């Protein structure tokens, strides 16, 4: 995989394999949130603002990714779109 540096295993914050096994999402400081195609090893999406996401989860169809970067906020991301398709927040 093209991860951009040799120390990703030391700095990875979170990772998740999609239910269909076709993609893997990884967050790491300085590398952002990257979504890779498992078959090709190529990055198919990159969101720099989610480099410290601690929780990642795909929907059942592997089309969207839920990203929890801050307490009480979840961003629903979709490959091909720069901005979240939805932002869920909760008051503490």
Protein backbone atom coordinates (compact mmCIF):
# COMPACT_ATOMS: atom_id res chain seq x y z
CA UNK A 1 0.00 0.00 0.00
CA UNK A 2 1.13 3.55 -0.70
CA UNK A 3 0.96 4.98 2.80
CA UNK A 4 3.46 7.81 2.46
CA UNK A 5 5.97 6.77 5.08
CA UNK A 6 7.70 3.84 6.76
CA UNK A 7 6.34 4.52 10.26
CA UNK A 8 2.59 4.19 9.67
CA UNK A 9 2.39 1.07 11.86
CA UNK A 10 3.82 3.13 14.75
CA UNK A 11 1.40 6.03 14.32
CA UNK A 12 -1.84 4.47 13.09
CA UNK A 13 -4.76 5.70 15.17
CA UNK A 14 -7.56 3.58 13.68
CA UNK A 15 -8.24 1.22 10.80
CA UNK A 16 -11.24 -0.67 9.42
CA UNK A 17 -11.78 -3.17 6.62
CA UNK A 18 -15.01 -2.68 4.66
CA UNK A 19 -17.66 -5.42 4.96
CA UNK A 20 -17.15 -6.42 1.32
CA UNK A 21 -13.37 -6.65 1.87
CA UNK A 22 -12.67 -4.29 -1.04
CA UNK A 23 -11.39 -1.28 0.92
CA UNK A 24 -9.49 -0.46 4.07
CA UNK A 25 -9.60 2.86 5.91
CA UNK A 26 -6.62 4.03 8.00
CA UNK A 27 -5.95 7.20 9.99
CA UNK A 28 -2.51 8.39 11.02
CA UNK A 29 -1.10 11.76 12.16
CA UNK A 30 0.38 13.61 9.21
CA UNK A 31 -1.25 11.25 6.71
CA UNK A 32 -4.94 12.00 7.26
CA UNK A 33 -7.69 9.47 6.72
CA UNK A 34 -6.94 7.33 3.69
CA UNK A 35 -9.16 4.83 1.97
CA UNK A 36 -7.35 2.17 -0.04
CA UNK A 37 -8.56 -0.25 -2.66
CA UNK A 38 -7.41 -3.64 -1.34
CA UNK A 39 -6.98 -5.22 -4.79
CA UNK A 40 -4.76 -2.46 -6.22
CA UNK A 41 -3.20 -1.01 -3.05
CA UNK A 42 -4.02 2.49 -4.32
CA UNK A 43 -5.53 5.35 -2.33
CA UNK A 44 -9.09 6.00 -3.55
CA UNK A 45 -9.96 8.76 -1.07
CA UNK A 46 -8.06 11.10 1.25
CA UNK A 47 -9.46 13.37 3.95
CA UNK A 48 -6.68 15.30 5.73
CA UNK A 49 -8.91 16.74 8.44
CA UNK A 50 -9.61 13.31 9.99
CA UNK A 51 -6.04 12.26 10.78
CA UNK A 52 -6.85 11.72 14.47
CA UNK A 53 -10.11 9.80 14.02
CA UNK A 54 -10.33 7.14 16.70
CA UNK A 55 -13.37 5.24 15.45
CA UNK A 56 -14.12 4.20 11.86
CA UNK A 57 -16.98 2.06 10.58
CA UNK A 58 -18.41 1.31 7.16
CA UNK A 59 -22.09 0.98 6.34
CA UNK A 60 -23.37 -2.49 5.39
CA UNK A 61 -22.97 -1.79 1.65
CA UNK A 62 -19.39 -0.48 2.08
CA UNK A 63 -20.43 2.79 0.40
CA UNK A 64 -19.97 5.25 3.27
CA UNK A 65 -17.64 5.58 6.22
CA UNK A 66 -18.54 6.87 9.69
CA UNK A 67 -15.65 8.82 11.24
CA UNK A 68 -15.45 9.89 14.88
CA UNK A 69 -12.64 12.44 15.20
CA UNK A 70 -13.92 14.48 18.11
CA UNK A 71 -16.15 13.70 21.07
CA UNK A 72 -19.85 13.93 20.27
CA UNK A 73 -19.42 14.30 16.48
CA UNK A 74 -19.54 11.72 13.68
CA UNK A 75 -18.88 12.59 10.05
CA UNK A 76 -20.38 10.37 7.36
CA UNK A 77 -17.92 10.34 4.46
CA UNK A 78 -18.38 9.04 0.94
CA UNK A 79 -15.52 8.39 -1.49
CA UNK A 80 -15.47 10.94 -4.29
CA UNK A 81 -16.89 13.70 -2.07
CA UNK A 82 -14.66 16.14 -0.21
CA UNK A 83 -17.23 17.16 2.40
CA UNK A 84 -19.23 14.84 4.67
CA UNK A 85 -22.62 13.76 3.39
CA UNK A 86 -23.90 14.08 6.95
CA UNK A 87 -22.65 15.30 10.33
CA UNK A 88 -24.16 13.84 13.48
CA UNK A 89 -23.69 15.66 16.77
CA UNK A 90 -24.78 15.10 20.34
CA UNK A 91 -24.74 17.50 23.22
CA UNK A 92 -22.91 16.09 26.26
